[in-house]
Amino acid sequence: MAGNAQAPAPVGAAREQDRKARSGWQGGARVWEDAEQQAKKLRSGPDGELQRKLPKRKIVLLMAYSGKGYHGMQRNVGSSQFKTIEDDLVSALVRSGCIPENHGEDMRKMSFQRCARTDKGVSAAGQVVSLKVWLIDDILEKINSHLPPHIRILGLKRVTGGFNSKNKCDARTYFYMLPTFAFAHKDHDVQDESYRLSAETLLRVNRLLACYKGTHNFHNFTSQKGPREASARRYVLDMFCEEPFVRDGMEFAVIKVKGQSFMTHQIRKMVGLVVAIVKGYAPESVLERSWGEAKVDVPKAPGLGLVLERVHFEKYNQRFGNDGLHEPLDWSREEAGVTAFKEQHIYPTIISTERHERSMAQWLSTLPVHDFNATANAAACPDAKVPGPPGDSD
């Protein structure tokens, strides 16, 4: 019947229905999904699906490690000849499921940055690295389960998205642990483990160390830095030697130094020059001369006793530490773990290695032939050749 017949749809409405049909709309509801998202779902299994949904967050990790047997902190991607701390760390991050495997191959993908690039054999009790990870459950336990016992992650904190541990670090504190016979005078003191540091000698050591405080030109305390390069000027906030203590029959002392930043080998050379002066191999005047433009051959103490103890983020803490969203980076709750790690892994390694390998004693034996006046002699005799540092190569 004519009353039951449907009226033809207007031409415009028919076109709209045809457009929706081609676009995947049915009954006004969109049923298609983005092809790329669908492909991701098909490619990922149960674990991959979970990881894809987990957000990546910028965090910092508090690290402690014994550097013996490692060629420093920083990873050399593509080089398996020299093992570094970051090689073991990145492997643990991948195996624990915190980062995808390709992030381990290109660390820029996880925005990785370390506070300090410690040298070969140097340890750390408070290294801090920043990176982006998947915040999986029990993340610290899982990372540590894939690390050797002489490398530990002691703490984790969320930070701002643009946080960079190197650039946001205001200062770094190192300590250098050495046997006190390093301060025994070459002419009138015993030169073995029976030596004990006197209060008078300790006062002199601290007087010399205090000379480093402030801003100086440290171009002679590193390599490949010219005397007029602005980056050679560094600010040292404090440097002093603590009271000595005896471990396993040998007396040790700890020198602490805090500065904004340090160049390669700078602290080892700062310690080495003071040792040479106290032992009587160099005059005190060489200390101030080393800050001048002339080249001075500064002896470099062994790397064994050097430890990165703490890094400081005062400005970051002032701005974000009390904003209600972020924690201050002070690590006070982790202090007990830091102390325990030093007692279990760092101090024993330094003591046992010094006993068996005698790195400090062997280095001290080079000081009698070290020429602290080479530059002065060259200035007086322009045609004379300046001898290179004897046996000093890294």
Protein backbone atom coordinates (compact mmCIF):
# COMPACT_ATOMS: atom_id res chain seq x y z
CA MET A 1 0.00 0.00 0.00
CA ALA A 2 1.00 3.53 -0.66
CA GLY A 3 0.70 4.37 3.07
CA ASN A 4 3.35 1.75 3.96
CA ALA A 5 5.90 2.82 1.35
CA GLN A 6 9.01 4.65 2.63
CA ALA A 7 9.79 8.01 1.16
CA PRO A 8 13.16 8.17 -0.62
CA ALA A 9 15.91 9.81 1.45
CA PRO A 10 17.06 13.22 0.39
CA VAL A 11 20.12 13.23 -1.84
CA GLY A 12 22.27 14.93 0.88
CA ALA A 13 21.31 12.39 3.56
CA ALA A 14 22.08 9.49 1.22
CA ARG A 15 25.52 10.89 0.56
CA GLU A 16 26.16 11.28 4.33
CA GLN A 17 25.14 7.66 5.01
CA ASP A 18 27.41 6.47 2.20
CA ARG A 19 30.33 8.50 3.66
CA LYS A 20 29.80 7.00 7.16
CA ALA A 21 29.63 3.50 5.73
CA ARG A 22 32.96 3.96 3.95
CA SER A 23 34.49 5.44 7.14
CA GLY A 24 33.51 2.46 9.30
CA TRP A 25 30.56 3.97 11.16
CA GLN A 26 27.61 1.69 11.94
CA GLY A 27 24.51 3.03 13.59
CA GLY A 28 26.38 6.25 14.46
CA ALA A 29 29.17 4.40 16.38
CA ARG A 30 32.81 4.34 15.23
CA VAL A 31 34.05 0.73 15.06
CA TRP A 32 37.44 1.00 13.41
CA GLU A 33 40.72 1.39 15.35
CA ASP A 34 43.95 3.01 14.37
CA ALA A 35 45.98 0.60 12.27
CA GLU A 36 49.20 1.31 14.11
CA GLN A 37 47.63 0.70 17.53
CA GLN A 38 46.10 -2.56 16.24
CA ALA A 39 49.50 -3.65 14.94
CA LYS A 40 51.08 -2.96 18.31
CA LYS A 41 48.48 -5.12 20.01
CA LEU A 42 49.12 -7.96 17.59
CA ARG A 43 52.89 -7.73 17.99
CA SER A 44 52.92 -7.72 21.78
CA GLY A 45 52.34 -10.68 24.03
CA PRO A 46 51.06 -10.54 27.61
CA ASP A 47 54.31 -9.04 28.96
CA GLY A 48 54.74 -6.63 26.08
CA GLU A 49 51.12 -5.48 26.43
CA LEU A 50 51.69 -4.72 30.12
CA GLN A 51 54.92 -2.82 29.47
CA ARG A 52 53.32 -0.80 26.67
CA LYS A 53 50.64 0.40 29.05
CA LEU A 54 53.04 1.27 31.87
CA PRO A 55 54.13 4.92 31.81
CA LYS A 56 57.78 5.85 31.55
CA ARG A 57 58.82 8.22 34.32
CA LYS A 58 61.95 10.24 34.99
CA ILE A 59 63.68 8.98 38.12
CA VAL A 60 67.04 9.11 39.85
CA LEU A 61 68.87 6.10 41.26
CA LEU A 62 71.28 6.28 44.19
CA MET A 63 74.19 3.96 43.35
CA ALA A 64 77.12 2.56 45.30
CA TYR A 65 79.90 0.51 43.77
CA SER A 66 83.45 -0.70 44.21
CA GLY A 67 85.40 0.38 41.15
CA LYS A 68 88.19 -2.17 41.31
CA GLY A 69 88.39 -4.12 38.05
CA TYR A 70 86.35 -1.56 36.10
CA HIS A 71 87.54 1.03 33.59
CA GLY A 72 85.46 3.80 35.11
CA MET A 73 81.78 4.59 35.30
CA GLN A 74 80.85 5.68 31.78
CA ARG A 75 79.84 3.07 29.24
CA ASN A 76 81.69 2.75 25.94
CA VAL A 77 79.00 1.38 23.63
CA GLY A 78 80.44 -1.11 21.15
CA SER A 79 83.60 -1.74 23.16
CA SER A 80 83.73 -4.98 25.10
CA GLN A 81 87.44 -4.70 25.84
CA PHE A 82 87.05 -2.33 28.78
CA LYS A 83 84.26 -3.17 31.22
CA THR A 84 82.56 -0.27 33.01
CA ILE A 85 80.06 0.12 35.83
CA GLU A 86 77.36 1.24 33.39
CA ASP A 87 77.77 -1.97 31.39
CA ASP A 88 76.55 -3.97 34.38
CA LEU A 89 73.89 -1.38 35.27
CA VAL A 90 72.33 -1.25 31.80
CA SER A 91 72.31 -5.05 31.59
CA ALA A 92 70.45 -5.22 34.92
CA LEU A 93 67.93 -2.57 33.80
CA VAL A 94 67.12 -4.54 30.64
CA ARG A 95 66.96 -7.93 32.35
CA SER A 96 64.71 -6.61 35.13
CA GLY A 97 62.23 -5.20 32.60
CA CYS A 98 62.72 -1.52 33.44
CA ILE A 99 63.76 -0.50 29.93
CA PRO A 100 63.45 -2.06 26.46
CA GLU A 101 66.55 -3.68 25.01
CA ASN A 102 67.12 -0.98 22.39
CA HIS A 103 67.46 1.62 25.16
CA GLY A 104 70.47 -0.29 26.40
CA GLU A 105 72.04 -0.02 22.97
CA ASP A 106 71.34 3.73 22.74
CA MET A 107 71.24 5.26 26.22
CA ARG A 108 69.96 8.58 24.88
CA LYS A 109 66.59 6.93 24.37
CA MET A 110 66.13 6.72 28.15
CA SER A 111 67.65 10.19 28.76
CA PHE A 112 70.44 8.62 30.82
CA GLN A 113 72.88 10.89 32.66
CA ARG A 114 75.32 10.36 35.49
CA CYS A 115 76.39 12.98 38.07
CA ALA A 116 80.07 12.16 37.89
CA ARG A 117 82.22 10.21 35.45
CA THR A 118 84.48 8.32 37.83
CA ASP A 119 87.84 7.09 36.50
CA LYS A 120 89.34 3.62 36.31
CA GLY A 121 89.38 1.92 39.72
CA VAL A 122 87.47 4.74 41.45
CA SER A 123 84.56 3.74 43.71
CA ALA A 124 81.36 5.53 44.72
CA ALA A 125 79.14 5.51 47.78
CA GLY A 126 76.66 8.09 46.49
CA GLN A 127 76.61 8.24 42.71
CA VAL A 128 73.30 9.46 41.24
CA VAL A 129 72.04 8.73 37.72
CA SER A 130 68.89 10.05 36.06
CA LEU A 131 66.88 8.14 33.44
CA LYS A 132 63.39 7.22 32.22
CA VAL A 133 62.09 3.77 33.13
CA TRP A 134 58.95 1.72 33.43
CA LEU A 135 57.99 1.87 37.11
CA ILE A 136 57.49 -1.86 37.56
CA ASP A 137 56.64 -3.43 40.92
CA ASP A 138 59.56 -4.09 43.30
CA ILE A 139 61.83 -2.24 40.92
CA LEU A 140 64.84 -1.90 43.25
CA GLU A 141 64.79 -5.55 44.23
CA LYS A 142 64.56 -6.66 40.61
CA ILE A 143 67.42 -4.43 39.45
CA ASN A 144 69.67 -5.50 42.33
CA SER A 145 68.92 -9.15 41.65
CA HIS A 146 70.74 -8.78 38.32
CA LEU A 147 73.72 -6.83 39.72
CA PRO A 148 76.88 -8.19 41.34
CA PRO A 149 77.11 -7.59 45.11
CA HIS A 150 79.75 -4.86 44.68
CA ILE A 151 77.21 -2.72 42.75
CA ARG A 152 74.00 -1.76 44.57
CA ILE A 153 71.03 0.51 43.91
CA LEU A 154 70.28 1.98 47.34
CA GLY A 155 67.47 4.40 46.54
CA LEU A 156 65.03 5.70 43.92
CA LYS A 157 63.13 8.97 43.67
CA ARG A 158 60.83 10.60 41.13
CA VAL A 159 62.08 13.87 39.67
CA THR A 160 60.85 16.50 37.23
CA GLY A 161 60.60 15.51 33.57
CA GLY A 162 63.49 17.70 32.48
CA PHE A 163 65.81 16.68 35.31
CA ASN A 164 69.45 16.05 34.34
CA SER A 165 71.62 14.68 37.16
CA LYS A 166 74.81 16.22 35.79
CA ASN A 167 73.46 19.71 35.08
CA LYS A 168 71.33 19.95 38.23
CA CYS A 169 74.18 18.89 40.54
CA ASP A 170 75.50 21.87 42.54
CA ALA A 171 78.52 20.17 44.08
CA ARG A 172 80.27 16.85 44.55
CA THR A 173 82.04 15.47 47.62
CA TYR A 174 84.84 12.93 47.25
CA PHE A 175 87.07 11.29 49.80
CA TYR A 176 90.54 9.86 49.32
CA MET A 177 91.59 7.09 51.68
CA LEU A 178 95.33 6.48 51.98
CA PRO A 179 97.81 4.84 54.37
CA THR A 180 99.34 7.51 56.59
CA PHE A 181 102.92 6.43 55.79
CA ALA A 182 102.31 8.48 52.63
CA PHE A 183 102.92 11.53 54.88
CA ALA A 184 106.10 10.14 56.47
CA HIS A 185 109.01 12.54 55.84
CA LYS A 186 111.61 10.99 53.57
CA ASP A 187 114.55 11.93 55.84
CA HIS A 188 113.48 11.32 59.43
CA ASP A 189 110.43 9.05 59.50
CA VAL A 190 109.95 5.31 59.03
CA GLN A 191 108.53 4.49 55.62
CA ASP A 192 106.42 1.43 56.41
CA GLU A 193 103.20 0.32 58.12
CA SER A 194 104.56 1.03 61.59
CA TYR A 195 104.37 4.78 60.92
CA ARG A 196 101.75 6.75 62.86
CA LEU A 197 100.62 10.23 61.86
CA SER A 198 101.49 12.86 64.46
CA ALA A 199 99.19 15.74 65.39
CA GLU A 200 101.82 18.19 64.12
CA THR A 201 102.00 16.56 60.70
CA LEU A 202 98.22 16.38 60.47
CA LEU A 203 98.05 20.13 61.14
CA ARG A 204 100.50 20.77 58.32
CA VAL A 205 98.57 18.52 55.95
CA ASN A 206 95.36 20.41 56.67
CA ARG A 207 97.08 23.77 56.27
CA LEU A 208 98.25 22.76 52.81
CA LEU A 209 94.90 21.24 51.83
CA ALA A 210 93.14 24.47 52.88
CA CYS A 211 95.18 26.33 50.25
CA TYR A 212 93.06 24.67 47.58
CA LYS A 213 89.88 26.34 48.85
CA GLY A 214 88.42 28.97 46.57
CA THR A 215 88.77 29.44 42.82
CA HIS A 216 92.07 28.51 41.18
CA ASN A 217 93.41 27.69 37.74
CA PHE A 218 93.84 23.89 37.82
CA HIS A 219 95.17 23.43 34.27
CA ASN A 220 98.25 21.66 35.71
CA PHE A 221 96.01 19.19 37.57
CA THR A 222 94.49 17.60 34.46
CA SER A 223 95.40 16.91 30.84
CA GLN A 224 94.70 18.78 27.62
CA LYS A 225 93.74 22.03 29.34
CA GLY A 226 95.47 25.27 28.52
CA PRO A 227 96.26 27.84 31.22
CA ARG A 228 93.92 30.39 29.65
CA GLU A 229 90.93 28.12 29.21
CA ALA A 230 88.02 29.28 31.34
CA SER A 231 87.01 25.68 32.07
CA ALA A 232 90.32 25.11 33.90
CA ARG A 233 89.20 27.43 36.70
CA ARG A 234 87.41 25.40 39.38
CA TYR A 235 85.87 26.31 42.73
CA VAL A 236 86.73 24.18 45.77
CA LEU A 237 84.44 24.69 48.77
CA ASP A 238 86.38 22.67 51.34
CA MET A 239 89.26 20.20 51.69
CA PHE A 240 90.61 18.64 54.88
CA CYS A 241 92.06 15.45 56.36
CA GLU A 242 90.23 13.63 59.15
CA GLU A 243 91.79 11.97 62.19
CA PRO A 244 93.64 8.74 61.32
CA PHE A 245 92.39 5.27 62.23
CA VAL A 246 93.92 1.78 62.26
CA ARG A 247 92.60 -1.13 60.19
CA ASP A 248 94.29 -4.55 60.22
CA GLY A 249 97.42 -3.08 61.77
CA MET A 250 97.82 -0.33 59.14
CA GLU A 251 96.97 3.32 59.84
CA PHE A 252 94.81 5.14 57.31
CA ALA A 253 93.47 8.66 56.92
CA VAL A 254 90.63 10.09 54.84
CA ILE A 255 90.92 13.35 52.91
CA LYS A 256 87.57 14.94 52.00
CA VAL A 257 87.06 17.51 49.27
CA LYS A 258 83.90 19.28 48.14
CA GLY A 259 83.75 21.30 44.95
CA GLN A 260 81.36 22.38 42.24
CA SER A 261 82.98 20.03 39.73
CA PHE A 262 86.31 18.34 39.11
CA MET A 263 88.32 17.58 35.99
CA THR A 264 89.90 14.25 35.10
CA HIS A 265 92.65 13.33 37.61
CA GLN A 266 92.28 16.69 39.39
CA ILE A 267 91.70 15.31 42.90
CA ARG A 268 94.41 12.67 42.57
CA LYS A 269 96.90 15.35 41.56
CA MET A 270 95.75 17.65 44.38
CA VAL A 271 96.44 14.84 46.86
CA GLY A 272 99.66 13.85 45.11
CA LEU A 273 101.17 17.33 45.32
CA VAL A 274 100.41 17.72 49.03
CA VAL A 275 101.93 14.28 49.74
CA ALA A 276 105.07 15.24 47.81
CA ILE A 277 105.40 18.47 49.82
CA VAL A 278 104.83 16.85 53.21
CA LYS A 279 107.33 14.09 52.44
CA GLY A 280 109.96 16.69 51.54
CA TYR A 281 110.26 16.07 47.82
CA ALA A 282 108.83 19.45 46.77
CA PRO A 283 108.84 22.96 48.30
CA GLU A 284 105.58 24.56 49.38
CA SER A 285 106.10 27.25 46.74
CA VAL A 286 105.31 24.76 43.97
CA LEU A 287 101.68 24.73 45.15
CA GLU A 288 101.08 28.36 44.22
CA ARG A 289 103.28 28.08 41.13
CA SER A 290 101.04 25.26 39.85
CA TRP A 291 98.13 27.72 39.58
CA GLY A 292 100.10 30.03 37.29
CA GLU A 293 100.29 29.86 33.52
CA ALA A 294 103.59 27.94 33.46
CA LYS A 295 103.49 24.19 33.02
CA VAL A 296 104.21 22.27 36.24
CA ASP A 297 104.51 18.49 36.36
CA VAL A 298 102.14 17.61 39.23
CA PRO A 299 102.38 13.98 40.46
CA LYS A 300 99.18 11.94 40.37
CA ALA A 301 98.31 9.74 43.36
CA PRO A 302 96.87 6.24 42.68
CA GLY A 303 93.20 5.90 41.85
CA LEU A 304 92.57 3.15 44.40
CA GLY A 305 91.67 5.35 47.37
CA LEU A 306 89.38 7.80 45.56
CA VAL A 307 85.64 7.50 46.27
CA LEU A 308 82.69 9.64 45.17
CA GLU A 309 80.90 10.02 48.49
CA ARG A 310 77.99 12.34 47.82
CA VAL A 311 76.42 14.64 45.23
CA HIS A 312 74.49 17.77 46.14
CA PHE A 313 71.30 19.29 44.69
CA GLU A 314 70.69 22.36 46.87
CA LYS A 315 69.09 24.55 44.18
CA TYR A 316 66.82 21.76 42.95
CA ASN A 317 65.72 20.99 46.51
CA GLN A 318 64.93 24.64 47.18
CA ARG A 319 62.72 24.87 44.12
CA PHE A 320 61.05 21.44 44.00
CA GLY A 321 61.82 19.70 47.30
CA ASN A 322 58.83 21.18 49.13
CA ASP A 323 56.36 21.68 46.28
CA GLY A 324 54.18 18.77 47.44
CA LEU A 325 54.87 16.78 44.27
CA HIS A 326 58.56 15.86 44.50
CA GLU A 327 60.88 14.63 47.20
CA PRO A 328 64.08 16.49 48.13
CA LEU A 329 67.20 14.69 46.94
CA ASP A 330 68.93 14.37 50.30
CA TRP A 331 68.99 10.54 50.75
CA SER A 332 68.90 10.76 54.55
CA ARG A 333 66.80 7.58 54.78
CA GLU A 334 69.38 5.71 52.71
CA GLU A 335 72.34 6.80 54.85
CA ALA A 336 72.47 3.53 56.78
CA GLY A 337 72.67 1.56 53.54
CA VAL A 338 75.44 3.82 52.24
CA THR A 339 77.46 3.35 55.42
CA ALA A 340 76.97 -0.41 55.35
CA PHE A 341 78.10 -0.61 51.73
CA LYS A 342 81.28 1.35 52.47
CA GLU A 343 82.09 -0.95 55.38
CA GLN A 344 81.36 -4.14 53.40
CA HIS A 345 82.80 -3.34 49.98
CA ILE A 346 84.75 -0.07 49.67
CA TYR A 347 86.99 0.10 52.76
CA PRO A 348 87.93 -3.62 52.68
CA THR A 349 88.79 -3.41 48.97
CA ILE A 350 91.05 -0.40 49.48
CA ILE A 351 92.79 -1.98 52.49
CA SER A 352 93.29 -5.44 50.98
CA THR A 353 94.41 -4.07 47.62
CA GLU A 354 96.93 -1.76 49.27
CA ARG A 355 98.29 -4.67 51.29
CA HIS A 356 98.67 -7.02 48.34
CA GLU A 357 99.39 -4.68 45.43
CA ARG A 358 101.08 -1.85 47.37
CA SER A 359 99.83 0.76 44.92
CA MET A 360 100.60 3.70 47.25
CA ALA A 361 104.04 2.37 48.19
CA GLN A 362 104.95 1.83 44.55
CA TRP A 363 103.78 5.32 43.58
CA LEU A 364 105.73 6.88 46.46
CA SER A 365 108.89 5.24 45.08
CA THR A 366 108.57 7.42 41.95
CA LEU A 367 108.65 10.74 43.84
CA PRO A 368 112.46 10.86 44.33
CA VAL A 369 112.94 11.08 40.55
CA HIS A 370 110.02 13.45 39.93
CA ASP A 371 111.26 16.80 38.59
CA PHE A 372 109.20 19.59 40.13
CA ASN A 373 111.53 22.29 38.73
CA ALA A 374 111.41 21.19 35.10
CA THR A 375 109.46 24.26 33.99
CA ALA A 376 111.61 26.67 35.98
CA ASN A 377 114.77 25.14 34.50
CA ALA A 378 113.34 25.37 31.00
CA ALA A 379 112.57 29.07 31.52
CA ALA A 380 116.16 29.70 32.60
CA CYS A 381 117.54 27.63 29.68
CA PRO A 382 115.15 28.04 26.71
CA ASP A 383 117.05 25.48 24.62
CA ALA A 384 116.74 22.76 27.26
CA LYS A 385 114.21 19.98 26.77
CA VAL A 386 111.56 19.56 29.43
CA PRO A 387 111.42 15.91 30.56
CA GLY A 388 108.06 14.19 30.51
CA PRO A 389 106.46 12.80 33.66
CA PRO A 390 108.32 9.62 34.63
CA GLY A 391 106.12 6.54 34.51
CA ASP A 392 102.93 8.60 34.68
CA SER A 393 100.50 7.31 32.10
CA ASP A 394 96.84 6.41 32.30
